[in-house]
């Protein structure tokens, strides 16, 4: 009778089995985390409005032109003045705007609010881009506080001259 060859156990087989099951677990965890991260990103960004839509919501629908302002600036050491022409970007047209130009827009109250902001400006500050941006912000804030029904969304400088 012929003897059957005896199989000798491979000592590396259990270690190989442990390594492959650990690899499967690691791959499974990575797939789960990546899938969860992708789902979370989609959930958070899917309902967010695109930047174009958000900008369109704040875009003024109606523009009103105001006459030129000439104002002495608040520089104590020297006499400086500002000559500025402004257009206001409103969120909605004033009542009666189609028939009567600016309609029921309270021009006198708006000019008063603008003059109160312009008169406290200083020439050195207004000459900088940051100063002009701050002036726009201050004008929008003053107009929305003093003329809330106007819904001012933007201020456009169509002429800006600082005389030193």
N, C-alpha and C. Protein backbone atom coordinates (compact mmCIF):
# COMPACT_ATOMS: atom_id res chain seq x y z
N UNK A 1 0.79 -1.16 0.00
CA UNK A 1 0.00 0.00 0.00
C UNK A 1 0.85 1.23 0.00
N UNK A 2 0.36 2.08 -0.68
CA UNK A 2 1.12 3.30 -0.79
C UNK A 2 0.66 4.25 0.30
N UNK A 3 1.58 4.90 0.84
CA UNK A 3 1.24 5.84 1.90
C UNK A 3 0.83 7.17 1.29
N UNK A 4 -0.19 7.68 1.89
CA UNK A 4 -0.64 8.98 1.42
C UNK A 4 0.25 10.05 2.01
N UNK A 5 0.55 11.03 1.21
CA UNK A 5 1.40 12.07 1.76
C UNK A 5 0.64 12.84 2.83
N UNK A 6 1.26 13.08 3.91
CA UNK A 6 0.64 13.82 4.99
C UNK A 6 0.78 15.31 4.72
N UNK A 7 -0.30 16.02 4.94
CA UNK A 7 -0.23 17.46 4.73
C UNK A 7 0.25 18.08 6.02
N UNK A 8 1.19 18.90 5.88
CA UNK A 8 1.72 19.58 7.05
C UNK A 8 1.04 20.93 7.17
N UNK A 9 0.61 21.24 8.34
CA UNK A 9 -0.06 22.53 8.50
C UNK A 9 0.91 23.68 8.23
N UNK A 10 0.38 24.71 7.51
CA UNK A 10 1.18 25.89 7.18
C UNK A 10 1.01 26.89 8.33
N UNK A 11 2.06 27.21 9.04
CA UNK A 11 1.92 28.12 10.17
C UNK A 11 1.57 29.54 9.73
N UNK A 12 1.77 29.92 8.47
CA UNK A 12 1.47 31.27 8.02
C UNK A 12 0.00 31.43 7.62
N UNK A 13 -0.74 30.34 7.47
CA UNK A 13 -2.13 30.41 7.02
C UNK A 13 -3.03 31.18 8.00
N UNK A 14 -2.99 30.94 9.32
CA UNK A 14 -3.85 31.73 10.21
C UNK A 14 -3.47 33.21 10.20
N UNK A 15 -2.21 33.54 10.08
CA UNK A 15 -1.79 34.94 10.07
C UNK A 15 -2.28 35.62 8.79
N UNK A 16 -2.25 34.88 7.67
CA UNK A 16 -2.71 35.44 6.40
C UNK A 16 -4.22 35.67 6.46
N UNK A 17 -4.93 34.76 7.10
CA UNK A 17 -6.37 34.89 7.23
C UNK A 17 -6.70 36.11 8.09
N UNK A 18 -5.94 36.34 9.19
CA UNK A 18 -6.17 37.50 10.05
C UNK A 18 -5.88 38.79 9.30
N UNK A 19 -4.81 38.84 8.51
CA UNK A 19 -4.45 40.04 7.76
C UNK A 19 -5.53 40.37 6.73
N UNK A 20 -6.03 39.37 6.01
CA UNK A 20 -7.03 39.64 4.99
C UNK A 20 -8.35 40.10 5.61
N UNK A 21 -8.74 39.56 6.77
CA UNK A 21 -9.99 40.02 7.39
C UNK A 21 -9.79 41.43 7.97
N UNK A 22 -8.61 41.76 8.46
CA UNK A 22 -8.35 43.13 8.94
C UNK A 22 -8.39 44.11 7.77
N UNK A 23 -7.88 43.69 6.63
CA UNK A 23 -7.91 44.53 5.44
C UNK A 23 -9.35 44.77 4.99
N UNK A 24 -10.18 43.77 5.04
CA UNK A 24 -11.58 43.91 4.65
C UNK A 24 -12.28 44.89 5.60
N UNK A 25 -11.99 44.80 6.88
CA UNK A 25 -12.60 45.70 7.86
C UNK A 25 -12.15 47.14 7.60
N UNK A 26 -10.87 47.35 7.35
CA UNK A 26 -10.35 48.69 7.09
C UNK A 26 -10.97 49.27 5.82
N UNK A 27 -11.05 48.49 4.76
CA UNK A 27 -11.66 48.96 3.52
C UNK A 27 -13.13 49.27 3.75
N UNK A 28 -13.82 48.44 4.51
CA UNK A 28 -15.24 48.69 4.81
C UNK A 28 -15.43 49.98 5.59
N UNK A 29 -14.57 50.24 6.58
CA UNK A 29 -14.67 51.48 7.36
C UNK A 29 -14.39 52.69 6.47
N UNK A 30 -13.38 52.61 5.61
CA UNK A 30 -13.07 53.72 4.70
C UNK A 30 -14.23 54.00 3.75
N UNK A 31 -14.82 52.95 3.20
CA UNK A 31 -15.96 53.14 2.30
C UNK A 31 -17.11 53.79 3.05
N UNK A 32 -17.36 53.33 4.28
CA UNK A 32 -18.44 53.91 5.09
C UNK A 32 -18.18 55.38 5.37
N UNK A 33 -16.95 55.72 5.78
CA UNK A 33 -16.63 57.12 6.09
C UNK A 33 -16.70 58.01 4.85
N UNK A 34 -16.16 57.55 3.74
CA UNK A 34 -16.21 58.35 2.52
C UNK A 34 -17.65 58.51 2.03
N UNK A 35 -18.41 57.46 2.10
CA UNK A 35 -19.82 57.54 1.70
C UNK A 35 -20.60 58.47 2.61
N UNK A 36 -20.34 58.39 3.91
CA UNK A 36 -21.01 59.28 4.86
C UNK A 36 -20.59 60.72 4.68
N UNK A 37 -19.31 60.96 4.42
CA UNK A 37 -18.82 62.32 4.17
C UNK A 37 -19.42 62.89 2.90
N UNK A 38 -19.51 62.10 1.86
CA UNK A 38 -20.12 62.55 0.61
C UNK A 38 -21.60 62.85 0.79
N UNK A 39 -22.29 62.00 1.55
CA UNK A 39 -23.71 62.24 1.81
C UNK A 39 -23.91 63.50 2.63
N UNK A 40 -23.06 63.70 3.63
CA UNK A 40 -23.16 64.91 4.46
C UNK A 40 -22.90 66.15 3.62
N UNK A 41 -21.89 66.11 2.75
CA UNK A 41 -21.60 67.26 1.88
C UNK A 41 -22.80 67.55 0.98
N UNK A 42 -23.36 66.51 0.39
CA UNK A 42 -24.51 66.70 -0.49
C UNK A 42 -25.69 67.29 0.29
N UNK A 43 -25.96 66.79 1.46
CA UNK A 43 -27.07 67.29 2.27
C UNK A 43 -26.88 68.75 2.63
N UNK A 44 -25.67 69.14 3.01
CA UNK A 44 -25.40 70.51 3.42
C UNK A 44 -25.41 71.48 2.24
N UNK A 45 -24.98 71.04 1.07
CA UNK A 45 -24.85 71.94 -0.06
C UNK A 45 -25.99 71.84 -1.06
N UNK A 46 -26.79 70.82 -0.97
CA UNK A 46 -27.89 70.65 -1.92
C UNK A 46 -28.94 71.74 -1.76
N UNK A 47 -29.28 72.08 -0.54
CA UNK A 47 -30.31 73.09 -0.29
C UNK A 47 -29.76 74.50 -0.31
N UNK A 48 -28.45 74.66 -0.30
CA UNK A 48 -27.86 76.00 -0.31
C UNK A 48 -28.11 76.64 -1.66
N UNK A 49 -28.43 77.94 -1.64
CA UNK A 49 -28.68 78.67 -2.88
C UNK A 49 -27.35 78.97 -3.55
N UNK A 50 -27.30 78.89 -4.84
CA UNK A 50 -26.07 79.25 -5.54
C UNK A 50 -25.74 80.73 -5.31
N UNK A 51 -24.48 81.05 -5.44
CA UNK A 51 -24.03 82.42 -5.19
C UNK A 51 -24.73 83.41 -6.13
N UNK A 52 -25.00 82.98 -7.36
CA UNK A 52 -25.67 83.87 -8.30
C UNK A 52 -27.09 84.19 -7.82
N UNK A 53 -27.79 83.21 -7.27
CA UNK A 53 -29.15 83.43 -6.80
C UNK A 53 -29.15 84.34 -5.58
N UNK A 54 -28.18 84.15 -4.69
CA UNK A 54 -28.10 85.01 -3.51
C UNK A 54 -27.79 86.45 -3.90
N UNK A 55 -26.91 86.63 -4.88
CA UNK A 55 -26.59 87.98 -5.33
C UNK A 55 -27.78 88.60 -6.04
N UNK A 56 -28.55 87.80 -6.77
CA UNK A 56 -29.70 88.33 -7.49
C UNK A 56 -30.78 88.80 -6.52
N UNK A 57 -30.89 88.14 -5.35
CA UNK A 57 -31.88 88.56 -4.37
C UNK A 57 -31.58 89.96 -3.83
N UNK A 58 -30.31 90.31 -3.73
CA UNK A 58 -29.93 91.61 -3.17
C UNK A 58 -29.74 92.67 -4.25
N UNK A 59 -29.88 92.30 -5.49
CA UNK A 59 -29.71 93.25 -6.58
C UNK A 59 -30.88 94.23 -6.58
N UNK A 60 -30.59 95.51 -6.62
CA UNK A 60 -31.68 96.49 -6.66
C UNK A 60 -32.53 96.33 -7.92
N UNK A 61 -33.82 96.53 -7.75
CA UNK A 61 -34.74 96.43 -8.88
C UNK A 61 -35.00 97.79 -9.51
N UNK A 62 -34.78 98.86 -8.78
CA UNK A 62 -35.17 100.19 -9.25
C UNK A 62 -34.09 101.18 -8.82
N UNK A 63 -33.73 102.09 -9.69
CA UNK A 63 -32.70 103.08 -9.38
C UNK A 63 -33.29 104.48 -9.43
N UNK A 64 -32.94 105.27 -8.41
CA UNK A 64 -33.38 106.67 -8.36
C UNK A 64 -32.15 107.56 -8.41
N UNK A 65 -32.17 108.53 -9.30
CA UNK A 65 -31.08 109.48 -9.43
C UNK A 65 -31.37 110.69 -8.53
N UNK A 66 -30.37 111.08 -7.74
CA UNK A 66 -30.49 112.28 -6.91
C UNK A 66 -29.59 113.36 -7.48
N UNK A 67 -29.99 114.60 -7.27
CA UNK A 67 -29.19 115.73 -7.73
C UNK A 67 -27.86 115.77 -6.98
N UNK A 68 -26.90 116.50 -7.53
CA UNK A 68 -25.55 116.58 -6.96
C UNK A 68 -25.57 117.23 -5.58
N UNK A 69 -24.72 116.68 -4.69
CA UNK A 69 -24.53 117.22 -3.35
C UNK A 69 -23.19 117.94 -3.31
N UNK A 70 -23.13 119.10 -2.69
CA UNK A 70 -21.87 119.78 -2.41
C UNK A 70 -21.86 120.07 -0.92
N UNK A 71 -20.85 119.51 -0.23
CA UNK A 71 -20.84 119.54 1.24
C UNK A 71 -19.46 119.95 1.73
N UNK A 72 -19.42 120.81 2.74
CA UNK A 72 -18.16 121.09 3.43
C UNK A 72 -17.84 119.89 4.30
N UNK A 73 -16.59 119.46 4.26
CA UNK A 73 -16.18 118.30 5.06
C UNK A 73 -15.75 118.74 6.45
N UNK A 74 -15.65 117.78 7.36
CA UNK A 74 -15.37 118.04 8.77
C UNK A 74 -13.88 118.06 9.06
N UNK A 75 -13.10 118.66 8.21
CA UNK A 75 -11.66 118.80 8.46
C UNK A 75 -11.43 120.11 9.21
N UNK A 76 -11.01 120.05 10.48
CA UNK A 76 -10.90 121.27 11.27
C UNK A 76 -9.74 122.18 10.85
N UNK A 77 -8.66 121.62 10.36
CA UNK A 77 -7.49 122.43 10.05
C UNK A 77 -7.57 123.15 8.71
N UNK A 78 -8.33 122.61 7.77
CA UNK A 78 -8.42 123.23 6.46
C UNK A 78 -9.86 123.15 5.95
N UNK A 79 -10.14 123.91 4.93
CA UNK A 79 -11.47 123.90 4.34
C UNK A 79 -11.48 122.99 3.11
N UNK A 80 -12.15 121.85 3.22
CA UNK A 80 -12.29 120.92 2.11
C UNK A 80 -13.77 120.73 1.84
N UNK A 81 -14.09 120.40 0.59
CA UNK A 81 -15.49 120.07 0.31
C UNK A 81 -15.59 118.86 -0.59
N UNK A 82 -16.76 118.27 -0.58
CA UNK A 82 -17.05 117.07 -1.37
C UNK A 82 -18.19 117.40 -2.32
N UNK A 83 -17.97 117.07 -3.57
CA UNK A 83 -19.04 117.18 -4.56
C UNK A 83 -19.31 115.76 -5.04
N UNK A 84 -20.56 115.33 -4.87
CA UNK A 84 -20.88 113.93 -5.13
C UNK A 84 -22.27 113.83 -5.74
N UNK A 85 -22.41 112.94 -6.71
CA UNK A 85 -23.70 112.63 -7.29
C UNK A 85 -23.97 111.16 -6.99
N UNK A 86 -25.18 110.88 -6.54
CA UNK A 86 -25.52 109.54 -6.04
C UNK A 86 -26.79 109.05 -6.73
N UNK A 87 -26.77 107.77 -7.07
CA UNK A 87 -27.98 107.05 -7.49
C UNK A 87 -28.23 106.00 -6.41
N UNK A 88 -29.50 105.83 -6.05
CA UNK A 88 -29.87 104.85 -5.04
C UNK A 88 -30.47 103.62 -5.70
N UNK A 89 -30.00 102.46 -5.31
CA UNK A 89 -30.58 101.20 -5.78
C UNK A 89 -31.58 100.71 -4.75
N UNK A 90 -32.85 100.65 -5.14
CA UNK A 90 -33.93 100.27 -4.23
C UNK A 90 -34.38 98.84 -4.51
N UNK A 91 -34.94 98.21 -3.48
CA UNK A 91 -35.44 96.85 -3.63
C UNK A 91 -36.74 96.78 -4.41
N UNK A 92 -37.47 97.87 -4.45
CA UNK A 92 -38.74 97.92 -5.17
C UNK A 92 -39.00 99.35 -5.61
N UNK A 93 -39.73 99.53 -6.68
CA UNK A 93 -40.00 100.91 -7.12
C UNK A 93 -40.98 101.59 -6.16
N UNK A 94 -40.83 102.89 -5.96
CA UNK A 94 -41.78 103.62 -5.13
C UNK A 94 -43.16 103.61 -5.79
N UNK A 95 -44.20 103.78 -4.99
CA UNK A 95 -45.56 103.83 -5.53
C UNK A 95 -45.68 104.97 -6.52
N UNK A 96 -46.29 104.71 -7.62
CA UNK A 96 -46.49 105.73 -8.63
C UNK A 96 -45.26 106.06 -9.45
N UNK A 97 -44.23 105.26 -9.39
CA UNK A 97 -42.98 105.56 -10.10
C UNK A 97 -43.16 105.55 -11.61
N UNK A 98 -44.05 104.71 -12.12
CA UNK A 98 -44.23 104.63 -13.56
C UNK A 98 -44.82 105.92 -14.12
N UNK A 99 -45.72 106.54 -13.37
CA UNK A 99 -46.37 107.75 -13.88
C UNK A 99 -45.60 109.03 -13.58
N UNK A 100 -44.92 109.07 -12.43
CA UNK A 100 -44.34 110.35 -11.97
C UNK A 100 -42.84 110.28 -11.71
N UNK A 101 -42.09 109.56 -12.43
CA UNK A 101 -40.64 109.52 -12.24
C UNK A 101 -40.26 108.80 -10.96
N UNK A 102 -39.98 109.55 -9.89
CA UNK A 102 -39.57 108.94 -8.63
C UNK A 102 -40.78 108.56 -7.78
N UNK A 103 -41.97 108.86 -8.23
CA UNK A 103 -43.17 108.45 -7.51
C UNK A 103 -43.27 109.08 -6.14
N UNK A 104 -43.62 108.27 -5.16
CA UNK A 104 -43.79 108.74 -3.78
C UNK A 104 -42.50 108.65 -2.98
N UNK A 105 -41.36 108.53 -3.63
CA UNK A 105 -40.10 108.44 -2.90
C UNK A 105 -39.85 109.75 -2.15
N UNK A 106 -39.56 109.67 -0.84
CA UNK A 106 -39.34 110.88 -0.04
C UNK A 106 -37.94 111.46 -0.28
N UNK A 107 -37.79 112.20 -1.35
CA UNK A 107 -36.49 112.75 -1.75
C UNK A 107 -35.91 113.66 -0.67
N UNK A 108 -36.74 114.50 -0.07
CA UNK A 108 -36.23 115.45 0.94
C UNK A 108 -35.66 114.71 2.15
N UNK A 109 -36.37 113.69 2.62
CA UNK A 109 -35.85 112.92 3.77
C UNK A 109 -34.59 112.16 3.41
N UNK A 110 -34.54 111.63 2.20
CA UNK A 110 -33.35 110.90 1.76
C UNK A 110 -32.15 111.84 1.64
N UNK A 111 -32.34 113.02 1.06
CA UNK A 111 -31.24 113.98 0.93
C UNK A 111 -30.76 114.43 2.31
N UNK A 112 -31.68 114.62 3.25
CA UNK A 112 -31.30 115.02 4.60
C UNK A 112 -30.45 113.94 5.27
N UNK A 113 -30.84 112.67 5.13
CA UNK A 113 -30.07 111.56 5.70
C UNK A 113 -28.68 111.48 5.06
N UNK A 114 -28.61 111.68 3.76
CA UNK A 114 -27.33 111.64 3.05
C UNK A 114 -26.43 112.79 3.49
N UNK A 115 -26.99 113.99 3.57
CA UNK A 115 -26.19 115.15 3.98
C UNK A 115 -25.63 114.98 5.39
N UNK A 116 -26.41 114.38 6.28
CA UNK A 116 -25.92 114.19 7.65
C UNK A 116 -24.73 113.24 7.70
N UNK A 117 -24.67 112.27 6.80
CA UNK A 117 -23.53 111.36 6.74
C UNK A 117 -22.35 112.02 6.04
N UNK A 118 -22.59 112.73 4.95
CA UNK A 118 -21.51 113.36 4.19
C UNK A 118 -20.80 114.44 4.99
N UNK A 119 -21.54 115.20 5.78
CA UNK A 119 -20.97 116.34 6.50
C UNK A 119 -19.96 115.94 7.57
N UNK A 120 -19.98 114.70 8.02
CA UNK A 120 -19.02 114.29 9.06
C UNK A 120 -17.78 113.62 8.46
N UNK A 121 -17.72 113.55 7.13
CA UNK A 121 -16.58 112.92 6.47
C UNK A 121 -15.34 113.80 6.49
N UNK A 122 -14.20 113.16 6.38
CA UNK A 122 -12.91 113.85 6.32
C UNK A 122 -12.25 113.52 4.98
N UNK A 123 -11.59 114.51 4.41
CA UNK A 123 -11.02 114.38 3.07
C UNK A 123 -10.04 113.21 2.96
N UNK A 124 -9.13 113.08 3.92
CA UNK A 124 -8.12 112.02 3.85
C UNK A 124 -8.76 110.63 3.85
N UNK A 125 -9.82 110.46 4.61
CA UNK A 125 -10.50 109.16 4.67
C UNK A 125 -11.27 108.89 3.38
N UNK A 126 -11.97 109.89 2.89
CA UNK A 126 -12.80 109.71 1.70
C UNK A 126 -11.98 109.48 0.43
N UNK A 127 -10.71 109.82 0.45
CA UNK A 127 -9.85 109.64 -0.72
C UNK A 127 -9.44 108.17 -0.91
N UNK A 128 -9.56 107.34 0.13
CA UNK A 128 -9.13 105.95 0.04
C UNK A 128 -10.29 105.06 -0.43
N UNK A 129 -9.98 103.94 -1.06
CA UNK A 129 -11.04 103.01 -1.44
C UNK A 129 -11.82 102.49 -0.24
N UNK A 130 -11.12 102.26 0.87
CA UNK A 130 -11.79 101.80 2.09
C UNK A 130 -12.75 102.86 2.61
N UNK A 131 -12.33 104.12 2.52
CA UNK A 131 -13.19 105.22 2.97
C UNK A 131 -14.45 105.33 2.12
N UNK A 132 -14.33 105.14 0.82
CA UNK A 132 -15.50 105.17 -0.06
C UNK A 132 -16.43 104.01 0.23
N UNK A 133 -15.87 102.83 0.47
CA UNK A 133 -16.69 101.66 0.80
C UNK A 133 -17.42 101.88 2.13
N UNK A 134 -16.71 102.44 3.11
CA UNK A 134 -17.35 102.72 4.40
C UNK A 134 -18.44 103.78 4.25
N UNK A 135 -18.20 104.77 3.39
CA UNK A 135 -19.21 105.79 3.14
C UNK A 135 -20.47 105.17 2.54
N UNK A 136 -20.31 104.27 1.58
CA UNK A 136 -21.47 103.58 1.01
C UNK A 136 -22.25 102.84 2.08
N UNK A 137 -21.52 102.11 2.92
CA UNK A 137 -22.16 101.36 4.01
C UNK A 137 -22.91 102.29 4.95
N UNK A 138 -22.28 103.40 5.34
CA UNK A 138 -22.92 104.35 6.24
C UNK A 138 -24.15 105.00 5.61
N UNK A 139 -24.08 105.30 4.31
CA UNK A 139 -25.22 105.89 3.62
C UNK A 139 -26.40 104.92 3.56
N UNK A 140 -26.14 103.67 3.24
CA UNK A 140 -27.21 102.66 3.18
C UNK A 140 -27.86 102.52 4.55
N UNK A 141 -27.02 102.46 5.60
CA UNK A 141 -27.55 102.32 6.95
C UNK A 141 -28.40 103.54 7.34
N UNK A 142 -27.90 104.74 7.08
CA UNK A 142 -28.65 105.96 7.43
C UNK A 142 -29.95 106.05 6.65
N UNK A 143 -29.92 105.71 5.38
CA UNK A 143 -31.13 105.78 4.57
C UNK A 143 -32.18 104.76 5.03
N UNK A 144 -31.74 103.56 5.36
CA UNK A 144 -32.69 102.54 5.81
C UNK A 144 -33.24 102.84 7.20
N UNK A 145 -32.50 103.59 8.01
CA UNK A 145 -33.01 104.00 9.32
C UNK A 145 -33.97 105.18 9.20
N UNK A 146 -33.63 106.17 8.36
CA UNK A 146 -34.43 107.39 8.26
C UNK A 146 -35.55 107.31 7.22
N UNK A 147 -35.39 106.46 6.24
CA UNK A 147 -36.40 106.31 5.18
C UNK A 147 -36.61 104.79 4.99
N UNK A 148 -37.16 104.10 6.00
CA UNK A 148 -37.23 102.64 5.93
C UNK A 148 -38.10 102.11 4.79
N UNK A 149 -39.08 102.85 4.37
CA UNK A 149 -39.96 102.37 3.31
C UNK A 149 -39.26 102.33 1.95
N UNK A 150 -38.10 102.95 1.84
CA UNK A 150 -37.40 103.00 0.56
C UNK A 150 -36.67 101.70 0.22
N UNK A 151 -36.27 100.92 1.21
CA UNK A 151 -35.55 99.66 1.00
C UNK A 151 -34.30 99.87 0.13
N UNK A 152 -33.42 100.75 0.59
CA UNK A 152 -32.18 101.03 -0.15
C UNK A 152 -31.25 99.83 -0.02
N UNK A 153 -30.81 99.32 -1.16
CA UNK A 153 -29.92 98.16 -1.18
C UNK A 153 -28.51 98.49 -1.63
N UNK A 154 -28.38 99.58 -2.37
CA UNK A 154 -27.05 99.95 -2.84
C UNK A 154 -27.00 101.45 -3.10
N UNK A 155 -25.80 101.98 -3.04
CA UNK A 155 -25.54 103.39 -3.35
C UNK A 155 -24.49 103.41 -4.44
N UNK A 156 -24.78 104.14 -5.51
CA UNK A 156 -23.86 104.24 -6.64
C UNK A 156 -23.35 105.67 -6.72
N UNK A 157 -22.03 105.83 -6.70
CA UNK A 157 -21.43 107.15 -6.87
C UNK A 157 -21.24 107.37 -8.36
N UNK A 158 -21.92 108.35 -8.92
CA UNK A 158 -21.74 108.65 -10.34
C UNK A 158 -20.80 109.83 -10.55
N UNK A 159 -20.55 110.57 -9.47
CA UNK A 159 -19.54 111.63 -9.47
C UNK A 159 -19.01 111.73 -8.05
N UNK A 160 -17.69 111.85 -7.92
CA UNK A 160 -17.08 111.89 -6.60
C UNK A 160 -15.83 112.79 -6.68
N UNK A 161 -15.91 113.96 -6.08
CA UNK A 161 -14.80 114.91 -6.15
C UNK A 161 -14.55 115.47 -4.77
N UNK A 162 -13.33 115.32 -4.28
CA UNK A 162 -12.92 115.93 -3.02
C UNK A 162 -12.00 117.11 -3.37
N UNK A 163 -12.41 118.30 -2.99
CA UNK A 163 -11.59 119.49 -3.23
C UNK A 163 -10.76 119.75 -1.98
N UNK A 164 -9.44 119.82 -2.15
CA UNK A 164 -8.54 120.06 -1.03
C UNK A 164 -7.96 121.43 -1.13
